[in-house]
PDB file of N, CA and C in Angstrom:
ATOM      1  N   MET A   1       0.838  -1.183   0.000  1.00  0.00           N
ATOM      2  CA  MET A   1       0.000   0.000   0.000  1.00  0.00           C
ATOM      3  C   MET A   1       0.876   1.237   0.000  1.00  0.00           C
ATOM      4  N   GLU A   2       0.421   2.213  -0.733  1.00  0.00           N
ATOM      5  CA  GLU A   2       1.144   3.477  -0.787  1.00  0.00           C
ATOM      6  C   GLU A   2       0.386   4.511   0.030  1.00  0.00           C
ATOM      7  N   GLY A   3       1.087   5.219   0.875  1.00  0.00           N
ATOM      8  CA  GLY A   3       0.470   6.287   1.655  1.00  0.00           C
ATOM      9  C   GLY A   3       0.450   7.571   0.852  1.00  0.00           C
ATOM     10  N   ILE A   4      -0.611   8.331   0.983  1.00  0.00           N
ATOM     11  CA  ILE A   4      -0.732   9.626   0.323  1.00  0.00           C
ATOM     12  C   ILE A   4      -0.881  10.670   1.408  1.00  0.00           C
ATOM     13  N   SER A   5      -0.128  11.726   1.318  1.00  0.00           N
ATOM     14  CA  SER A   5      -0.292  12.810   2.271  1.00  0.00           C
ATOM     15  C   SER A   5      -0.231  14.128   1.528  1.00  0.00           C
ATOM     16  N   SER A   6      -0.779  15.140   2.133  1.00  0.00           N
ATOM     17  CA  SER A   6      -0.822  16.458   1.507  1.00  0.00           C
ATOM     18  C   SER A   6      -0.281  17.495   2.478  1.00  0.00           C
ATOM     19  N   ASP A   7       0.650  18.314   2.001  1.00  0.00           N
ATOM     20  CA  ASP A   7       1.206  19.393   2.811  1.00  0.00           C
ATOM     21  C   ASP A   7       0.560  20.731   2.488  1.00  0.00           C
ATOM     22  N   LYS A   8      -0.417  20.744   1.593  1.00  0.00           N
ATOM     23  CA  LYS A   8      -1.042  21.987   1.140  1.00  0.00           C
ATOM     24  C   LYS A   8      -2.535  21.955   1.448  1.00  0.00           C
ATOM     25  N   ASP A   9      -3.109  23.141   1.615  1.00  0.00           N
ATOM     26  CA  ASP A   9      -4.555  23.209   1.759  1.00  0.00           C
ATOM     27  C   ASP A   9      -5.170  23.376   0.371  1.00  0.00           C
ATOM     28  N   ALA A  10      -6.493  23.563   0.306  1.00  0.00           N
ATOM     29  CA  ALA A  10      -7.193  23.647  -0.972  1.00  0.00           C
ATOM     30  C   ALA A  10      -6.743  24.832  -1.817  1.00  0.00           C
ATOM     31  N   LYS A  11      -6.186  25.866  -1.190  1.00  0.00           N
ATOM     32  CA  LYS A  11      -5.735  27.044  -1.935  1.00  0.00           C
ATOM     33  C   LYS A  11      -4.230  27.015  -2.187  1.00  0.00           C
ATOM     34  N   GLY A  12      -3.593  25.884  -1.917  1.00  0.00           N
ATOM     35  CA  GLY A  12      -2.174  25.741  -2.189  1.00  0.00           C
ATOM     36  C   GLY A  12      -1.248  26.280  -1.117  1.00  0.00           C
ATOM     37  N   ARG A  13      -1.801  26.746   0.002  1.00  0.00           N
ATOM     38  CA  ARG A  13      -0.970  27.261   1.095  1.00  0.00           C
ATOM     39  C   ARG A  13      -0.407  26.104   1.914  1.00  0.00           C
ATOM     40  N   GLN A  14       0.735  26.357   2.518  1.00  0.00           N
ATOM     41  CA  GLN A  14       1.373  25.355   3.371  1.00  0.00           C
ATOM     42  C   GLN A  14       0.491  25.051   4.582  1.00  0.00           C
ATOM     43  N   ARG A  15       0.409  23.780   4.962  1.00  0.00           N
ATOM     44  CA  ARG A  15      -0.383  23.382   6.123  1.00  0.00           C
ATOM     45  C   ARG A  15       0.521  22.860   7.219  1.00  0.00           C
ATOM     46  N   VAL A  16       0.021  22.954   8.431  1.00  0.00           N
ATOM     47  CA  VAL A  16       0.779  22.466   9.575  1.00  0.00           C
ATOM     48  C   VAL A  16       0.420  21.013   9.861  1.00  0.00           C
ATOM     49  N   ASN A  17      -0.865  20.681   9.794  1.00  0.00           N
ATOM     50  CA  ASN A  17      -1.290  19.313  10.078  1.00  0.00           C
ATOM     51  C   ASN A  17      -1.125  18.432   8.834  1.00  0.00           C
ATOM     52  N   HIS A  18      -0.927  17.144   9.058  1.00  0.00           N
ATOM     53  CA  HIS A  18      -0.728  16.197   7.964  1.00  0.00           C
ATOM     54  C   HIS A  18      -1.741  15.068   8.082  1.00  0.00           C
ATOM     55  N   VAL A  19      -2.195  14.584   6.943  1.00  0.00           N
ATOM     56  CA  VAL A  19      -3.121  13.465   6.891  1.00  0.00           C
ATOM     57  C   VAL A  19      -2.505  12.421   5.972  1.00  0.00           C
ATOM     58  N   THR A  20      -2.548  11.169   6.386  1.00  0.00           N
ATOM     59  CA  THR A  20      -2.050  10.085   5.549  1.00  0.00           C
ATOM     60  C   THR A  20      -3.208   9.158   5.221  1.00  0.00           C
ATOM     61  N   VAL A  21      -3.319   8.782   3.964  1.00  0.00           N
ATOM     62  CA  VAL A  21      -4.378   7.895   3.491  1.00  0.00           C
ATOM     63  C   VAL A  21      -3.719   6.671   2.876  1.00  0.00           C
ATOM     64  N   PHE A  22      -4.190   5.505   3.234  1.00  0.00           N
ATOM     65  CA  PHE A  22      -3.712   4.279   2.612  1.00  0.00           C
ATOM     66  C   PHE A  22      -4.771   3.807   1.632  1.00  0.00           C
ATOM     67  N   GLU A  23      -4.394   3.715   0.373  1.00  0.00           N
ATOM     68  CA  GLU A  23      -5.334   3.288  -0.664  1.00  0.00           C
ATOM     69  C   GLU A  23      -5.499   1.774  -0.625  1.00  0.00           C
ATOM     70  N   ARG A  24      -6.703   1.337  -0.902  1.00  0.00           N
ATOM     71  CA  ARG A  24      -6.944  -0.096  -1.021  1.00  0.00           C
ATOM     72  C   ARG A  24      -6.238  -0.607  -2.277  1.00  0.00           C
ATOM     73  N   PRO A  25      -5.672  -1.798  -2.206  1.00  0.00           N
ATOM     74  CA  PRO A  25      -5.073  -2.374  -3.415  1.00  0.00           C
ATOM     75  C   PRO A  25      -6.128  -2.489  -4.515  1.00  0.00           C
ATOM     76  N   GLY A  26      -5.775  -2.114  -5.726  1.00  0.00           N
ATOM     77  CA  GLY A  26      -6.701  -2.199  -6.854  1.00  0.00           C
ATOM     78  C   GLY A  26      -7.594  -0.986  -7.026  1.00  0.00           C
ATOM     79  N   LEU A  27      -7.438   0.037  -6.191  1.00  0.00           N
ATOM     80  CA  LEU A  27      -8.311   1.213  -6.266  1.00  0.00           C
ATOM     81  C   LEU A  27      -8.301   1.847  -7.647  1.00  0.00           C
ATOM     82  N   HIS A  28      -7.123   2.097  -8.190  1.00  0.00           N
ATOM     83  CA  HIS A  28      -7.042   2.810  -9.470  1.00  0.00           C
ATOM     84  C   HIS A  28      -7.593   1.968 -10.621  1.00  0.00           C
ATOM     85  N   GLU A  29      -7.365   0.667 -10.584  1.00  0.00           N
ATOM     86  CA  GLU A  29      -7.928  -0.217 -11.606  1.00  0.00           C
ATOM     87  C   GLU A  29      -9.446  -0.230 -11.506  1.00  0.00           C
ATOM     88  N   PHE A  30      -9.959  -0.253 -10.279  1.00  0.00           N
ATOM     89  CA  PHE A  30     -11.408  -0.225 -10.067  1.00  0.00           C
ATOM     90  C   PHE A  30     -12.016   1.056 -10.629  1.00  0.00           C
ATOM     91  N   LEU A  31     -11.414   2.202 -10.316  1.00  0.00           N
ATOM     92  CA  LEU A  31     -11.932   3.479 -10.819  1.00  0.00           C
ATOM     93  C   LEU A  31     -11.883   3.529 -12.339  1.00  0.00           C
ATOM     94  N   GLN A  32     -10.795   3.033 -12.913  1.00  0.00           N
ATOM     95  CA  GLN A  32     -10.655   3.059 -14.371  1.00  0.00           C
ATOM     96  C   GLN A  32     -11.725   2.196 -15.028  1.00  0.00           C
ATOM     97  N   LYS A  33     -11.911   0.984 -14.551  1.00  0.00           N
ATOM     98  CA  LYS A  33     -12.887   0.064 -15.158  1.00  0.00           C
ATOM     99  C   LYS A  33     -14.318   0.555 -14.968  1.00  0.00           C
ATOM    100  N   THR A  34     -14.678   0.966 -13.756  1.00  0.00           N
ATOM    101  CA  THR A  34     -16.065   1.380 -13.527  1.00  0.00           C
ATOM    102  C   THR A  34     -16.396   2.690 -14.235  1.00  0.00           C
ATOM    103  N   SER A  35     -15.408   3.552 -14.430  1.00  0.00           N
ATOM    104  CA  SER A  35     -15.683   4.820 -15.125  1.00  0.00           C
ATOM    105  C   SER A  35     -15.987   4.605 -16.602  1.00  0.00           C
ATOM    106  N   GLU A  36     -15.704   3.417 -17.124  1.00  0.00           N
ATOM    107  CA  GLU A  36     -16.010   3.114 -18.523  1.00  0.00           C
ATOM    108  C   GLU A  36     -17.505   2.919 -18.755  1.00  0.00           C
ATOM    109  N   PHE A  37     -18.256   2.544 -17.702  1.00  0.00           N
ATOM    110  CA  PHE A  37     -19.682   2.279 -17.896  1.00  0.00           C
ATOM    111  C   PHE A  37     -20.586   2.953 -16.860  1.00  0.00           C
ATOM    112  N   ALA A  38     -20.009   3.731 -15.950  1.00  0.00           N
ATOM    113  CA  ALA A  38     -20.825   4.379 -14.918  1.00  0.00           C
ATOM    114  C   ALA A  38     -20.290   5.774 -14.631  1.00  0.00           C
ATOM    115  N   ASP A  39     -21.189   6.652 -14.189  1.00  0.00           N
ATOM    116  CA  ASP A  39     -20.777   7.973 -13.717  1.00  0.00           C
ATOM    117  C   ASP A  39     -20.357   7.821 -12.258  1.00  0.00           C
ATOM    118  N   LEU A  40     -19.120   8.156 -11.963  1.00  0.00           N
ATOM    119  CA  LEU A  40     -18.610   8.031 -10.601  1.00  0.00           C
ATOM    120  C   LEU A  40     -18.796   9.346  -9.863  1.00  0.00           C
ATOM    121  N   ILE A  41     -19.404   9.261  -8.686  1.00  0.00           N
ATOM    122  CA  ILE A  41     -19.630  10.433  -7.843  1.00  0.00           C
ATOM    123  C   ILE A  41     -18.987  10.154  -6.494  1.00  0.00           C
ATOM    124  N   LEU A  42     -18.129  11.053  -6.071  1.00  0.00           N
ATOM    125  CA  LEU A  42     -17.463  10.913  -4.784  1.00  0.00           C
ATOM    126  C   LEU A  42     -18.256  11.683  -3.737  1.00  0.00           C
ATOM    127  N   PHE A  43     -18.517  11.040  -2.608  1.00  0.00           N
ATOM    128  CA  PHE A  43     -19.144  11.726  -1.487  1.00  0.00           C
ATOM    129  C   PHE A  43     -18.267  11.540  -0.271  1.00  0.00           C
ATOM    130  N   THR A  44     -18.004  12.625   0.424  1.00  0.00           N
ATOM    131  CA  THR A  44     -17.298  12.562   1.697  1.00  0.00           C
ATOM    132  C   THR A  44     -17.945  13.548   2.660  1.00  0.00           C
ATOM    133  N   ALA A  45     -17.978  13.173   3.927  1.00  0.00           N
ATOM    134  CA  ALA A  45     -18.492  14.079   4.950  1.00  0.00           C
ATOM    135  C   ALA A  45     -17.427  15.092   5.359  1.00  0.00           C
ATOM    136  N   GLY A  46     -16.241  14.981   4.771  1.00  0.00           N
ATOM    137  CA  GLY A  46     -15.177  15.937   5.057  1.00  0.00           C
ATOM    138  C   GLY A  46     -15.438  17.273   4.390  1.00  0.00           C
ATOM    139  N   LEU A  47     -14.847  18.305   4.949  1.00  0.00           N
ATOM    140  CA  LEU A  47     -14.945  19.631   4.337  1.00  0.00           C
ATOM    141  C   LEU A  47     -14.031  19.690   3.121  1.00  0.00           C
ATOM    142  N   GLU A  48     -14.403  20.490   2.137  1.00  0.00           N
ATOM    143  CA  GLU A  48     -13.656  20.545   0.885  1.00  0.00           C
ATOM    144  C   GLU A  48     -12.191  20.928   1.093  1.00  0.00           C
ATOM    145  N   GLY A  49     -11.936  21.891   1.961  1.00  0.00           N
ATOM    146  CA  GLY A  49     -10.564  22.325   2.191  1.00  0.00           C
ATOM    147  C   GLY A  49      -9.661  21.221   2.707  1.00  0.00           C
ATOM    148  N   TYR A  50     -10.239  20.295   3.453  1.00  0.00           N
ATOM    149  CA  TYR A  50      -9.489  19.159   3.987  1.00  0.00           C
ATOM    150  C   TYR A  50      -9.409  18.025   2.965  1.00  0.00           C
ATOM    151  N   ALA A  51     -10.526  17.713   2.317  1.00  0.00           N
ATOM    152  CA  ALA A  51     -10.615  16.521   1.479  1.00  0.00           C
ATOM    153  C   ALA A  51     -10.104  16.715   0.052  1.00  0.00           C
ATOM    154  N   LYS A  52     -10.272  17.898  -0.516  1.00  0.00           N
ATOM    155  CA  LYS A  52      -9.941  18.104  -1.925  1.00  0.00           C
ATOM    156  C   LYS A  52      -8.499  17.760  -2.282  1.00  0.00           C
ATOM    157  N   PRO A  53      -7.495  18.194  -1.518  1.00  0.00           N
ATOM    158  CA  PRO A  53      -6.117  17.834  -1.893  1.00  0.00           C
ATOM    159  C   PRO A  53      -5.874  16.324  -1.922  1.00  0.00           C
ATOM    160  N   LEU A  54      -6.517  15.592  -1.025  1.00  0.00           N
ATOM    161  CA  LEU A  54      -6.359  14.139  -1.014  1.00  0.00           C
ATOM    162  C   LEU A  54      -7.102  13.497  -2.174  1.00  0.00           C
ATOM    163  N   VAL A  55      -8.315  13.964  -2.441  1.00  0.00           N
ATOM    164  CA  VAL A  55      -9.087  13.425  -3.559  1.00  0.00           C
ATOM    165  C   VAL A  55      -8.383  13.733  -4.880  1.00  0.00           C
ATOM    166  N   ASP A  56      -7.775  14.906  -4.990  1.00  0.00           N
ATOM    167  CA  ASP A  56      -7.024  15.249  -6.203  1.00  0.00           C
ATOM    168  C   ASP A  56      -5.907  14.239  -6.453  1.00  0.00           C
ATOM    169  N   ARG A  57      -5.267  13.782  -5.399  1.00  0.00           N
ATOM    170  CA  ARG A  57      -4.190  12.791  -5.557  1.00  0.00           C
ATOM    171  C   ARG A  57      -4.756  11.417  -5.911  1.00  0.00           C
ATOM    172  N   ILE A  58      -5.860  11.041  -5.287  1.00  0.00           N
ATOM    173  CA  ILE A  58      -6.472   9.739  -5.556  1.00  0.00           C
ATOM    174  C   ILE A  58      -7.057   9.706  -6.964  1.00  0.00           C
ATOM    175  N   ASP A  59      -7.661  10.809  -7.383  1.00  0.00           N
ATOM    176  CA  ASP A  59      -8.364  10.882  -8.668  1.00  0.00           C
ATOM    177  C   ASP A  59      -7.577  11.737  -9.665  1.00  0.00           C
ATOM    178  N   ALA A  60      -6.330  11.385  -9.893  1.00  0.00           N
ATOM    179  CA  ALA A  60      -5.464  12.172 -10.776  1.00  0.00           C
ATOM    180  C   ALA A  60      -5.963  12.194 -12.222  1.00  0.00           C
ATOM    181  N   HIS A  61      -6.783  11.210 -12.611  1.00  0.00           N
ATOM    182  CA  HIS A  61      -7.290  11.143 -13.989  1.00  0.00           C
ATOM    183  C   HIS A  61      -8.707  11.693 -14.120  1.00  0.00           C
ATOM    184  N   ASN A  62      -9.204  12.358 -13.071  1.00  0.00           N
ATOM    185  CA  ASN A  62     -10.541  12.981 -13.077  1.00  0.00           C
ATOM    186  C   ASN A  62     -11.641  12.018 -13.509  1.00  0.00           C
ATOM    187  N   ARG A  63     -11.690  10.877 -12.876  1.00  0.00           N
ATOM    188  CA  ARG A  63     -12.712   9.884 -13.208  1.00  0.00           C
ATOM    189  C   ARG A  63     -14.046  10.172 -12.513  1.00  0.00           C
ATOM    190  N   PHE A  64     -14.020  10.945 -11.417  1.00  0.00           N
ATOM    191  CA  PHE A  64     -15.268  11.307 -10.741  1.00  0.00           C
ATOM    192  C   PHE A  64     -15.925  12.442 -11.505  1.00  0.00           C
ATOM    193  N   CYS A  65     -17.196  12.263 -11.869  1.00  0.00           N
ATOM    194  CA  CYS A  65     -17.893  13.335 -12.585  1.00  0.00           C
ATOM    195  C   CYS A  65     -18.405  14.393 -11.611  1.00  0.00           C
ATOM    196  N   ARG A  66     -18.551  14.030 -10.338  1.00  0.00           N
ATOM    197  CA  ARG A  66     -18.954  14.997  -9.301  1.00  0.00           C
ATOM    198  C   ARG A  66     -18.259  14.653  -8.010  1.00  0.00           C
ATOM    199  N   ARG A  67     -17.998  15.689  -7.239  1.00  0.00           N
ATOM    200  CA  ARG A  67     -17.428  15.526  -5.900  1.00  0.00           C
ATOM    201  C   ARG A  67     -18.332  16.275  -4.933  1.00  0.00           C
ATOM    202  N   LEU A  68     -18.851  15.569  -3.974  1.00  0.00           N
ATOM    203  CA  LEU A  68     -19.756  16.170  -3.000  1.00  0.00           C
ATOM    204  C   LEU A  68     -19.090  16.152  -1.630  1.00  0.00           C
ATOM    205  N   TYR A  69     -19.072  17.313  -0.991  1.00  0.00           N
ATOM    206  CA  TYR A  69     -18.440  17.465   0.317  1.00  0.00           C
ATOM    207  C   TYR A  69     -19.516  17.725   1.374  1.00  0.00           C
ATOM    208  N   ARG A  70     -19.122  17.928   2.604  1.00  0.00           N
ATOM    209  CA  ARG A  70     -20.050  18.062   3.728  1.00  0.00           C
ATOM    210  C   ARG A  70     -21.215  19.023   3.470  1.00  0.00           C
ATOM    211  N   PRO A  71     -21.011  20.189   2.854  1.00  0.00           N
ATOM    212  CA  PRO A  71     -22.153  21.081   2.632  1.00  0.00           C
ATOM    213  C   PRO A  71     -23.258  20.470   1.762  1.00  0.00           C
ATOM    214  N   SER A  72     -22.950  19.385   1.047  1.00  0.00           N
ATOM    215  CA  SER A  72     -23.960  18.730   0.211  1.00  0.00           C
ATOM    216  C   SER A  72     -24.871  17.814   1.012  1.00  0.00           C
ATOM    217  N   THR A  73     -24.585  17.633   2.300  1.00  0.00           N
ATOM    218  CA  THR A  73     -25.418  16.767   3.125  1.00  0.00           C
ATOM    219  C   THR A  73     -26.633  17.538   3.634  1.00  0.00           C
ATOM    220  N   VAL A  74     -27.613  16.795   4.080  1.00  0.00           N
ATOM    221  CA  VAL A  74     -28.833  17.390   4.619  1.00  0.00           C
ATOM    222  C   VAL A  74     -28.899  17.062   6.104  1.00  0.00           C
ATOM    223  N   THR A  75     -29.122  18.050   6.923  1.00  0.00           N
ATOM    224  CA  THR A  75     -29.266  17.827   8.353  1.00  0.00           C
ATOM    225  C   THR A  75     -30.640  17.246   8.631  1.00  0.00           C
ATOM    226  N   THR A  76     -30.684  16.178   9.426  1.00  0.00           N
ATOM    227  CA  THR A  76     -31.978  15.577   9.766  1.00  0.00           C
ATOM    228  C   THR A  76     -32.210  15.648  11.253  1.00  0.00           C
TER     229      THR A  76
END
């Protein structure tokens, strides 16, 4: 597994805190194959400023047609 971390925030500024993500084996192959016949939509409860730099690294080929962050949720 390869760890992904981001030292920048969503606006490209240096960040103090670090986040490491371990990708599941086969993630990129899965995204490539499923994007051939389905619209991929990413949903995360994370805020865009936190999640976007990591999603940008995971989705380097822009296979997600939409990215939904915490503001897209509905409070119940």
